[in-house]
Amino acid sequence: MTSAASSCAPSSSQAFTVLIPRGLQAAVEGLPTENRQELLAELFRLAALARQEQGQLPLEGPYMLRLDVASCQVSVELDASRSRLTLVGLIRPQPLE
């Protein structure tokens, strides 16, 4: 898995980690550069936002977020108890012929 910590959290608090599982790395890398950059920026933005709002997030277990980013349907799992945001789904629309 690829992981990177969100860099905008104060050192006294645990930053959220963004994970891209091996099975999705090729799909992310296969995106056009602009779309890939937009997707990664949004994942890190969500991690930073989750870190800021961590006290208000439910700790019962991970929950799913589905969004449209960079012309893709994206699913992420947010686990506040582990301070982790994981990309779990990425669907690129197929061009109509």
PDB file of N, CA and C in Angstrom:
ATOM      1  N   MET A   1       0.826  -1.178   0.000  1.00  0.00           N
ATOM      2  CA  MET A   1       0.000   0.000   0.000  1.00  0.00           C
ATOM      3  C   MET A   1       0.870   1.241   0.000  1.00  0.00           C
ATOM      4  N   THR A   2       0.391   2.245  -0.641  1.00  0.00           N
ATOM      5  CA  THR A   2       1.063   3.530  -0.608  1.00  0.00           C
ATOM      6  C   THR A   2       0.415   4.335   0.500  1.00  0.00           C
ATOM      7  N   SER A   3       1.227   5.016   1.284  1.00  0.00           N
ATOM      8  CA  SER A   3       0.655   5.863   2.317  1.00  0.00           C
ATOM      9  C   SER A   3       1.458   7.138   2.431  1.00  0.00           C
ATOM     10  N   ALA A   4       0.786   8.159   2.881  1.00  0.00           N
ATOM     11  CA  ALA A   4       1.438   9.437   3.117  1.00  0.00           C
ATOM     12  C   ALA A   4       0.639  10.162   4.173  1.00  0.00           C
ATOM     13  N   ALA A   5       1.300  10.790   5.087  1.00  0.00           N
ATOM     14  CA  ALA A   5       0.605  11.518   6.147  1.00  0.00           C
ATOM     15  C   ALA A   5       0.262  12.917   5.665  1.00  0.00           C
ATOM     16  N   SER A   6      -0.885  13.385   6.080  1.00  0.00           N
ATOM     17  CA  SER A   6      -1.273  14.749   5.774  1.00  0.00           C
ATOM     18  C   SER A   6      -0.326  15.681   6.511  1.00  0.00           C
ATOM     19  N   SER A   7       0.227  16.647   5.814  1.00  0.00           N
ATOM     20  CA  SER A   7       1.270  17.485   6.397  1.00  0.00           C
ATOM     21  C   SER A   7       0.755  18.735   7.076  1.00  0.00           C
ATOM     22  N   CYS A   8      -0.545  18.962   7.117  1.00  0.00           N
ATOM     23  CA  CYS A   8      -1.046  20.208   7.668  1.00  0.00           C
ATOM     24  C   CYS A   8      -1.512  20.076   9.111  1.00  0.00           C
ATOM     25  N   ALA A   9      -1.283  18.951   9.762  1.00  0.00           N
ATOM     26  CA  ALA A   9      -1.709  18.779  11.147  1.00  0.00           C
ATOM     27  C   ALA A   9      -0.611  19.228  12.097  1.00  0.00           C
ATOM     28  N   PRO A  10      -0.995  19.816  13.220  1.00  0.00           N
ATOM     29  CA  PRO A  10       0.008  20.192  14.206  1.00  0.00           C
ATOM     30  C   PRO A  10       0.718  18.958  14.732  1.00  0.00           C
ATOM     31  N   SER A  11       1.949  19.114  15.168  1.00  0.00           N
ATOM     32  CA  SER A  11       2.728  17.965  15.608  1.00  0.00           C
ATOM     33  C   SER A  11       2.153  17.330  16.862  1.00  0.00           C
ATOM     34  N   SER A  12       1.342  18.037  17.646  1.00  0.00           N
ATOM     35  CA  SER A  12       0.771  17.473  18.856  1.00  0.00           C
ATOM     36  C   SER A  12      -0.420  16.563  18.563  1.00  0.00           C
ATOM     37  N   SER A  13      -0.970  16.592  17.367  1.00  0.00           N
ATOM     38  CA  SER A  13      -2.101  15.767  16.988  1.00  0.00           C
ATOM     39  C   SER A  13      -1.681  14.782  15.920  1.00  0.00           C
ATOM     40  N   GLN A  14      -2.392  13.665  15.887  1.00  0.00           N
ATOM     41  CA  GLN A  14      -2.074  12.659  14.881  1.00  0.00           C
ATOM     42  C   GLN A  14      -2.704  13.036  13.551  1.00  0.00           C
ATOM     43  N   ALA A  15      -1.892  13.090  12.521  1.00  0.00           N
ATOM     44  CA  ALA A  15      -2.383  13.395  11.180  1.00  0.00           C
ATOM     45  C   ALA A  15      -3.135  12.196  10.629  1.00  0.00           C
ATOM     46  N   PHE A  16      -4.078  12.447   9.748  1.00  0.00           N
ATOM     47  CA  PHE A  16      -4.732  11.361   9.044  1.00  0.00           C
ATOM     48  C   PHE A  16      -3.770  10.836   7.983  1.00  0.00           C
ATOM     49  N   THR A  17      -3.802   9.549   7.794  1.00  0.00           N
ATOM     50  CA  THR A  17      -2.992   8.901   6.773  1.00  0.00           C
ATOM     51  C   THR A  17      -3.880   8.625   5.563  1.00  0.00           C
ATOM     52  N   VAL A  18      -3.355   8.885   4.372  1.00  0.00           N
ATOM     53  CA  VAL A  18      -4.057   8.579   3.131  1.00  0.00           C
ATOM     54  C   VAL A  18      -3.444   7.304   2.564  1.00  0.00           C
ATOM     55  N   LEU A  19      -4.287   6.291   2.366  1.00  0.00           N
ATOM     56  CA  LEU A  19      -3.819   5.005   1.835  1.00  0.00           C
ATOM     57  C   LEU A  19      -4.427   4.746   0.461  1.00  0.00           C
ATOM     58  N   ILE A  20      -3.580   4.298  -0.451  1.00  0.00           N
ATOM     59  CA  ILE A  20      -4.032   3.836  -1.764  1.00  0.00           C
ATOM     60  C   ILE A  20      -3.568   2.386  -1.874  1.00  0.00           C
ATOM     61  N   PRO A  21      -4.486   1.434  -1.734  1.00  0.00           N
ATOM     62  CA  PRO A  21      -4.109   0.024  -1.783  1.00  0.00           C
ATOM     63  C   PRO A  21      -3.458  -0.347  -3.122  1.00  0.00           C
ATOM     64  N   ARG A  22      -2.615  -1.343  -3.069  1.00  0.00           N
ATOM     65  CA  ARG A  22      -1.900  -1.814  -4.264  1.00  0.00           C
ATOM     66  C   ARG A  22      -2.835  -2.072  -5.438  1.00  0.00           C
ATOM     67  N   GLY A  23      -3.988  -2.644  -5.155  1.00  0.00           N
ATOM     68  CA  GLY A  23      -4.934  -2.967  -6.216  1.00  0.00           C
ATOM     69  C   GLY A  23      -5.484  -1.757  -6.954  1.00  0.00           C
ATOM     70  N   LEU A  24      -5.390  -0.579  -6.352  1.00  0.00           N
ATOM     71  CA  LEU A  24      -5.889   0.636  -6.998  1.00  0.00           C
ATOM     72  C   LEU A  24      -4.772   1.539  -7.505  1.00  0.00           C
ATOM     73  N   GLN A  25      -3.534   1.223  -7.187  1.00  0.00           N
ATOM     74  CA  GLN A  25      -2.422   2.075  -7.603  1.00  0.00           C
ATOM     75  C   GLN A  25      -2.336   2.205  -9.115  1.00  0.00           C
ATOM     76  N   ALA A  26      -2.515   1.096  -9.827  1.00  0.00           N
ATOM     77  CA  ALA A  26      -2.429   1.139 -11.291  1.00  0.00           C
ATOM     78  C   ALA A  26      -3.542   2.010 -11.873  1.00  0.00           C
ATOM     79  N   ALA A  27      -4.746   1.934 -11.284  1.00  0.00           N
ATOM     80  CA  ALA A  27      -5.852   2.754 -11.771  1.00  0.00           C
ATOM     81  C   ALA A  27      -5.565   4.239 -11.552  1.00  0.00           C
ATOM     82  N   VAL A  28      -4.999   4.574 -10.398  1.00  0.00           N
ATOM     83  CA  VAL A  28      -4.653   5.977 -10.119  1.00  0.00           C
ATOM     84  C   VAL A  28      -3.550   6.433 -11.058  1.00  0.00           C
ATOM     85  N   GLU A  29      -2.524   5.613 -11.212  1.00  0.00           N
ATOM     86  CA  GLU A  29      -1.402   5.972 -12.090  1.00  0.00           C
ATOM     87  C   GLU A  29      -1.821   6.046 -13.543  1.00  0.00           C
ATOM     88  N   GLY A  30      -2.881   5.331 -13.924  1.00  0.00           N
ATOM     89  CA  GLY A  30      -3.360   5.336 -15.297  1.00  0.00           C
ATOM     90  C   GLY A  30      -4.208   6.547 -15.656  1.00  0.00           C
ATOM     91  N   LEU A  31      -4.554   7.346 -14.660  1.00  0.00           N
ATOM     92  CA  LEU A  31      -5.328   8.552 -14.943  1.00  0.00           C
ATOM     93  C   LEU A  31      -4.458   9.578 -15.674  1.00  0.00           C
ATOM     94  N   PRO A  32      -5.069  10.417 -16.500  1.00  0.00           N
ATOM     95  CA  PRO A  32      -4.302  11.528 -17.076  1.00  0.00           C
ATOM     96  C   PRO A  32      -3.717  12.365 -15.935  1.00  0.00           C
ATOM     97  N   THR A  33      -2.568  12.954 -16.168  1.00  0.00           N
ATOM     98  CA  THR A  33      -1.838  13.686 -15.121  1.00  0.00           C
ATOM     99  C   THR A  33      -2.711  14.675 -14.379  1.00  0.00           C
ATOM    100  N   GLU A  34      -3.468  15.482 -15.086  1.00  0.00           N
ATOM    101  CA  GLU A  34      -4.308  16.493 -14.439  1.00  0.00           C
ATOM    102  C   GLU A  34      -5.347  15.847 -13.525  1.00  0.00           C
ATOM    103  N   ASN A  35      -5.982  14.763 -13.996  1.00  0.00           N
ATOM    104  CA  ASN A  35      -6.989  14.067 -13.198  1.00  0.00           C
ATOM    105  C   ASN A  35      -6.356  13.405 -11.971  1.00  0.00           C
ATOM    106  N   ARG A  36      -5.191  12.806 -12.158  1.00  0.00           N
ATOM    107  CA  ARG A  36      -4.495  12.161 -11.039  1.00  0.00           C
ATOM    108  C   ARG A  36      -4.136  13.195  -9.967  1.00  0.00           C
ATOM    109  N   GLN A  37      -3.631  14.337 -10.391  1.00  0.00           N
ATOM    110  CA  GLN A  37      -3.279  15.390  -9.439  1.00  0.00           C
ATOM    111  C   GLN A  37      -4.515  15.907  -8.712  1.00  0.00           C
ATOM    112  N   GLU A  38      -5.608  16.059  -9.429  1.00  0.00           N
ATOM    113  CA  GLU A  38      -6.855  16.517  -8.814  1.00  0.00           C
ATOM    114  C   GLU A  38      -7.358  15.497  -7.788  1.00  0.00           C
ATOM    115  N   LEU A  39      -7.300  14.219  -8.130  1.00  0.00           N
ATOM    116  CA  LEU A  39      -7.727  13.157  -7.220  1.00  0.00           C
ATOM    117  C   LEU A  39      -6.877  13.150  -5.952  1.00  0.00           C
ATOM    118  N   LEU A  40      -5.562  13.158  -6.112  1.00  0.00           N
ATOM    119  CA  LEU A  40      -4.674  13.130  -4.949  1.00  0.00           C
ATOM    120  C   LEU A  40      -4.860  14.368  -4.077  1.00  0.00           C
ATOM    121  N   ALA A  41      -5.014  15.516  -4.706  1.00  0.00           N
ATOM    122  CA  ALA A  41      -5.241  16.745  -3.937  1.00  0.00           C
ATOM    123  C   ALA A  41      -6.531  16.641  -3.129  1.00  0.00           C
ATOM    124  N   GLU A  42      -7.576  16.078  -3.712  1.00  0.00           N
ATOM    125  CA  GLU A  42      -8.846  15.939  -3.005  1.00  0.00           C
ATOM    126  C   GLU A  42      -8.728  14.949  -1.855  1.00  0.00           C
ATOM    127  N   LEU A  43      -8.004  13.862  -2.042  1.00  0.00           N
ATOM    128  CA  LEU A  43      -7.806  12.898  -0.951  1.00  0.00           C
ATOM    129  C   LEU A  43      -7.086  13.556   0.228  1.00  0.00           C
ATOM    130  N   PHE A  44      -6.052  14.325  -0.058  1.00  0.00           N
ATOM    131  CA  PHE A  44      -5.323  14.993   1.014  1.00  0.00           C
ATOM    132  C   PHE A  44      -6.148  16.117   1.640  1.00  0.00           C
ATOM    133  N   ARG A  45      -6.983  16.786   0.837  1.00  0.00           N
ATOM    134  CA  ARG A  45      -7.862  17.818   1.385  1.00  0.00           C
ATOM    135  C   ARG A  45      -8.863  17.183   2.350  1.00  0.00           C
ATOM    136  N   LEU A  46      -9.438  16.039   1.959  1.00  0.00           N
ATOM    137  CA  LEU A  46     -10.369  15.334   2.832  1.00  0.00           C
ATOM    138  C   LEU A  46      -9.693  14.866   4.119  1.00  0.00           C
ATOM    139  N   ALA A  47      -8.459  14.377   4.006  1.00  0.00           N
ATOM    140  CA  ALA A  47      -7.717  13.935   5.193  1.00  0.00           C
ATOM    141  C   ALA A  47      -7.450  15.103   6.133  1.00  0.00           C
ATOM    142  N   ALA A  48      -7.083  16.249   5.579  1.00  0.00           N
ATOM    143  CA  ALA A  48      -6.824  17.430   6.403  1.00  0.00           C
ATOM    144  C   ALA A  48      -8.117  17.908   7.073  1.00  0.00           C
ATOM    145  N   LEU A  49      -9.217  17.886   6.336  1.00  0.00           N
ATOM    146  CA  LEU A  49     -10.503  18.287   6.887  1.00  0.00           C
ATOM    147  C   LEU A  49     -10.935  17.315   7.994  1.00  0.00           C
ATOM    148  N   ALA A  50     -10.758  16.029   7.754  1.00  0.00           N
ATOM    149  CA  ALA A  50     -11.103  15.024   8.766  1.00  0.00           C
ATOM    150  C   ALA A  50     -10.268  15.223  10.023  1.00  0.00           C
ATOM    151  N   ARG A  51      -9.009  15.563   9.866  1.00  0.00           N
ATOM    152  CA  ARG A  51      -8.132  15.813  11.007  1.00  0.00           C
ATOM    153  C   ARG A  51      -8.642  17.004  11.812  1.00  0.00           C
ATOM    154  N   GLN A  52      -9.054  18.065  11.120  1.00  0.00           N
ATOM    155  CA  GLN A  52      -9.570  19.253  11.808  1.00  0.00           C
ATOM    156  C   GLN A  52     -10.871  18.960  12.550  1.00  0.00           C
ATOM    157  N   GLU A  53     -11.689  18.085  11.974  1.00  0.00           N
ATOM    158  CA  GLU A  53     -13.005  17.774  12.537  1.00  0.00           C
ATOM    159  C   GLU A  53     -13.010  16.462  13.308  1.00  0.00           C
ATOM    160  N   GLN A  54     -11.846  15.919  13.621  1.00  0.00           N
ATOM    161  CA  GLN A  54     -11.747  14.582  14.201  1.00  0.00           C
ATOM    162  C   GLN A  54     -12.583  14.424  15.466  1.00  0.00           C
ATOM    163  N   GLY A  55     -12.655  15.435  16.294  1.00  0.00           N
ATOM    164  CA  GLY A  55     -13.439  15.351  17.514  1.00  0.00           C
ATOM    165  C   GLY A  55     -14.927  15.219  17.271  1.00  0.00           C
ATOM    166  N   GLN A  56     -15.378  15.561  16.077  1.00  0.00           N
ATOM    167  CA  GLN A  56     -16.798  15.499  15.752  1.00  0.00           C
ATOM    168  C   GLN A  56     -17.155  14.279  14.912  1.00  0.00           C
ATOM    169  N   LEU A  57     -16.162  13.480  14.521  1.00  0.00           N
ATOM    170  CA  LEU A  57     -16.412  12.292  13.703  1.00  0.00           C
ATOM    171  C   LEU A  57     -16.781  11.104  14.579  1.00  0.00           C
ATOM    172  N   PRO A  58     -17.695  10.257  14.118  1.00  0.00           N
ATOM    173  CA  PRO A  58     -18.042   9.065  14.898  1.00  0.00           C
ATOM    174  C   PRO A  58     -16.865   8.087  14.949  1.00  0.00           C
ATOM    175  N   LEU A  59     -16.625   7.521  16.133  1.00  0.00           N
ATOM    176  CA  LEU A  59     -15.517   6.584  16.306  1.00  0.00           C
ATOM    177  C   LEU A  59     -15.980   5.130  16.235  1.00  0.00           C
ATOM    178  N   GLU A  60     -17.283   4.894  16.026  1.00  0.00           N
ATOM    179  CA  GLU A  60     -17.820   3.533  16.028  1.00  0.00           C
ATOM    180  C   GLU A  60     -17.157   2.628  15.002  1.00  0.00           C
ATOM    181  N   GLY A  61     -16.750   3.149  13.921  1.00  0.00           N
ATOM    182  CA  GLY A  61     -16.143   2.329  12.883  1.00  0.00           C
ATOM    183  C   GLY A  61     -15.988   3.133  11.621  1.00  0.00           C
ATOM    184  N   PRO A  62     -15.354   2.565  10.633  1.00  0.00           N
ATOM    185  CA  PRO A  62     -15.167   3.309   9.385  1.00  0.00           C
ATOM    186  C   PRO A  62     -16.504   3.520   8.666  1.00  0.00           C
ATOM    187  N   TYR A  63     -16.576   4.589   7.908  1.00  0.00           N
ATOM    188  CA  TYR A  63     -17.736   4.811   7.073  1.00  0.00           C
ATOM    189  C   TYR A  63     -17.277   5.254   5.698  1.00  0.00           C
ATOM    190  N   MET A  64     -18.164   5.046   4.732  1.00  0.00           N
ATOM    191  CA  MET A  64     -17.835   5.281   3.332  1.00  0.00           C
ATOM    192  C   MET A  64     -18.305   6.652   2.870  1.00  0.00           C
ATOM    193  N   LEU A  65     -17.501   7.240   2.017  1.00  0.00           N
ATOM    194  CA  LEU A  65     -17.854   8.477   1.325  1.00  0.00           C
ATOM    195  C   LEU A  65     -17.761   8.188  -0.168  1.00  0.00           C
ATOM    196  N   ARG A  66     -18.737   8.632  -0.904  1.00  0.00           N
ATOM    197  CA  ARG A  66     -18.713   8.486  -2.360  1.00  0.00           C
ATOM    198  C   ARG A  66     -18.790   9.885  -2.958  1.00  0.00           C
ATOM    199  N   LEU A  67     -17.895  10.159  -3.899  1.00  0.00           N
ATOM    200  CA  LEU A  67     -17.867  11.474  -4.518  1.00  0.00           C
ATOM    201  C   LEU A  67     -17.380  11.391  -5.944  1.00  0.00           C
ATOM    202  N   ASP A  68     -17.650  12.447  -6.678  1.00  0.00           N
ATOM    203  CA  ASP A  68     -17.157  12.574  -8.042  1.00  0.00           C
ATOM    204  C   ASP A  68     -15.964  13.519  -8.017  1.00  0.00           C
ATOM    205  N   VAL A  69     -14.830  13.006  -8.449  1.00  0.00           N
ATOM    206  CA  VAL A  69     -13.589  13.783  -8.459  1.00  0.00           C
ATOM    207  C   VAL A  69     -12.848  13.471  -9.748  1.00  0.00           C
ATOM    208  N   ALA A  70     -12.345  14.484 -10.402  1.00  0.00           N
ATOM    209  CA  ALA A  70     -11.502  14.313 -11.588  1.00  0.00           C
ATOM    210  C   ALA A  70     -12.167  13.417 -12.631  1.00  0.00           C
ATOM    211  N   SER A  71     -13.448  13.627 -12.857  1.00  0.00           N
ATOM    212  CA  SER A  71     -14.216  12.849 -13.826  1.00  0.00           C
ATOM    213  C   SER A  71     -14.284  11.367 -13.473  1.00  0.00           C
ATOM    214  N   CYS A  72     -14.155  11.037 -12.198  1.00  0.00           N
ATOM    215  CA  CYS A  72     -14.215   9.647 -11.722  1.00  0.00           C
ATOM    216  C   CYS A  72     -15.185   9.554 -10.552  1.00  0.00           C
ATOM    217  N   GLN A  73     -15.747   8.363 -10.391  1.00  0.00           N
ATOM    218  CA  GLN A  73     -16.536   8.069  -9.203  1.00  0.00           C
ATOM    219  C   GLN A  73     -15.570   7.455  -8.191  1.00  0.00           C
ATOM    220  N   VAL A  74     -15.465   8.084  -7.040  1.00  0.00           N
ATOM    221  CA  VAL A  74     -14.476   7.705  -6.039  1.00  0.00           C
ATOM    222  C   VAL A  74     -15.181   7.280  -4.760  1.00  0.00           C
ATOM    223  N   SER A  75     -14.703   6.201  -4.160  1.00  0.00           N
ATOM    224  CA  SER A  75     -15.182   5.762  -2.853  1.00  0.00           C
ATOM    225  C   SER A  75     -13.993   5.757  -1.908  1.00  0.00           C
ATOM    226  N   VAL A  76     -14.195   6.351  -0.742  1.00  0.00           N
ATOM    227  CA  VAL A  76     -13.157   6.349   0.277  1.00  0.00           C
ATOM    228  C   VAL A  76     -13.762   5.868   1.584  1.00  0.00           C
ATOM    229  N   GLU A  77     -12.926   5.246   2.383  1.00  0.00           N
ATOM    230  CA  GLU A  77     -13.327   4.807   3.710  1.00  0.00           C
ATOM    231  C   GLU A  77     -12.629   5.711   4.715  1.00  0.00           C
ATOM    232  N   LEU A  78     -13.405   6.311   5.592  1.00  0.00           N
ATOM    233  CA  LEU A  78     -12.866   7.200   6.611  1.00  0.00           C
ATOM    234  C   LEU A  78     -12.955   6.485   7.950  1.00  0.00           C
ATOM    235  N   ASP A  79     -11.815   6.260   8.579  1.00  0.00           N
ATOM    236  CA  ASP A  79     -11.747   5.579   9.867  1.00  0.00           C
ATOM    237  C   ASP A  79     -11.125   6.538  10.874  1.00  0.00           C
ATOM    238  N   ALA A  80     -11.984   7.248  11.619  1.00  0.00           N
ATOM    239  CA  ALA A  80     -11.509   8.250  12.573  1.00  0.00           C
ATOM    240  C   ALA A  80     -10.732   7.615  13.720  1.00  0.00           C
ATOM    241  N   SER A  81     -11.111   6.403  14.134  1.00  0.00           N
ATOM    242  CA  SER A  81     -10.420   5.767  15.254  1.00  0.00           C
ATOM    243  C   SER A  81      -8.968   5.431  14.916  1.00  0.00           C
ATOM    244  N   ARG A  82      -8.676   5.246  13.634  1.00  0.00           N
ATOM    245  CA  ARG A  82      -7.306   4.958  13.178  1.00  0.00           C
ATOM    246  C   ARG A  82      -6.668   6.139  12.471  1.00  0.00           C
ATOM    247  N   SER A  83      -7.385   7.246  12.384  1.00  0.00           N
ATOM    248  CA  SER A  83      -6.906   8.443  11.666  1.00  0.00           C
ATOM    249  C   SER A  83      -6.453   8.078  10.259  1.00  0.00           C
ATOM    250  N   ARG A  84      -7.354   7.387   9.543  1.00  0.00           N
ATOM    251  CA  ARG A  84      -6.978   6.888   8.220  1.00  0.00           C
ATOM    252  C   ARG A  84      -8.088   7.125   7.202  1.00  0.00           C
ATOM    253  N   LEU A  85      -7.676   7.549   6.011  1.00  0.00           N
ATOM    254  CA  LEU A  85      -8.556   7.708   4.861  1.00  0.00           C
ATOM    255  C   LEU A  85      -8.021   6.769   3.776  1.00  0.00           C
ATOM    256  N   THR A  86      -8.850   5.814   3.340  1.00  0.00           N
ATOM    257  CA  THR A  86      -8.412   4.807   2.379  1.00  0.00           C
ATOM    258  C   THR A  86      -9.237   4.905   1.103  1.00  0.00           C
ATOM    259  N   LEU A  87      -8.562   4.967  -0.028  1.00  0.00           N
ATOM    260  CA  LEU A  87      -9.239   4.897  -1.318  1.00  0.00           C
ATOM    261  C   LEU A  87      -9.670   3.449  -1.517  1.00  0.00           C
ATOM    262  N   VAL A  88     -10.982   3.210  -1.678  1.00  0.00           N
ATOM    263  CA  VAL A  88     -11.460   1.838  -1.832  1.00  0.00           C
ATOM    264  C   VAL A  88     -12.118   1.581  -3.183  1.00  0.00           C
ATOM    265  N   GLY A  89     -12.384   2.632  -3.941  1.00  0.00           N
ATOM    266  CA  GLY A  89     -12.987   2.451  -5.247  1.00  0.00           C
ATOM    267  C   GLY A  89     -12.708   3.621  -6.166  1.00  0.00           C
ATOM    268  N   LEU A  90     -12.452   3.302  -7.423  1.00  0.00           N
ATOM    269  CA  LEU A  90     -12.189   4.334  -8.428  1.00  0.00           C
ATOM    270  C   LEU A  90     -12.743   3.832  -9.754  1.00  0.00           C
ATOM    271  N   ILE A  91     -13.763   4.515 -10.242  1.00  0.00           N
ATOM    272  CA  ILE A  91     -14.386   4.130 -11.514  1.00  0.00           C
ATOM    273  C   ILE A  91     -14.269   5.297 -12.476  1.00  0.00           C
ATOM    274  N   ARG A  92     -13.610   5.034 -13.595  1.00  0.00           N
ATOM    275  CA  ARG A  92     -13.500   6.037 -14.665  1.00  0.00           C
ATOM    276  C   ARG A  92     -14.614   5.779 -15.660  1.00  0.00           C
ATOM    277  N   PRO A  93     -15.385   6.803 -15.992  1.00  0.00           N
ATOM    278  CA  PRO A  93     -16.450   6.596 -16.983  1.00  0.00           C
ATOM    279  C   PRO A  93     -15.851   6.238 -18.351  1.00  0.00           C
ATOM    280  N   GLN A  94     -16.523   5.339 -19.002  1.00  0.00           N
ATOM    281  CA  GLN A  94     -16.077   4.937 -20.339  1.00  0.00           C
ATOM    282  C   GLN A  94     -16.626   5.918 -21.369  1.00  0.00           C
ATOM    283  N   PRO A  95     -15.802   6.333 -22.325  1.00  0.00           N
ATOM    284  CA  PRO A  95     -16.293   7.250 -23.361  1.00  0.00           C
ATOM    285  C   PRO A  95     -17.370   6.573 -24.203  1.00  0.00           C
ATOM    286  N   LEU A  96     -18.373   7.329 -24.569  1.00  0.00           N
ATOM    287  CA  LEU A  96     -19.429   6.812 -25.438  1.00  0.00           C
ATOM    288  C   LEU A  96     -18.913   6.754 -26.869  1.00  0.00           C
ATOM    289  N   GLU A  97     -19.266   5.685 -27.543  1.00  0.00           N
ATOM    290  CA  GLU A  97     -18.814   5.528 -28.934  1.00  0.00           C
ATOM    291  C   GLU A  97     -19.954   5.688 -29.890  1.00  0.00           C
TER     292      GLU A  97
END
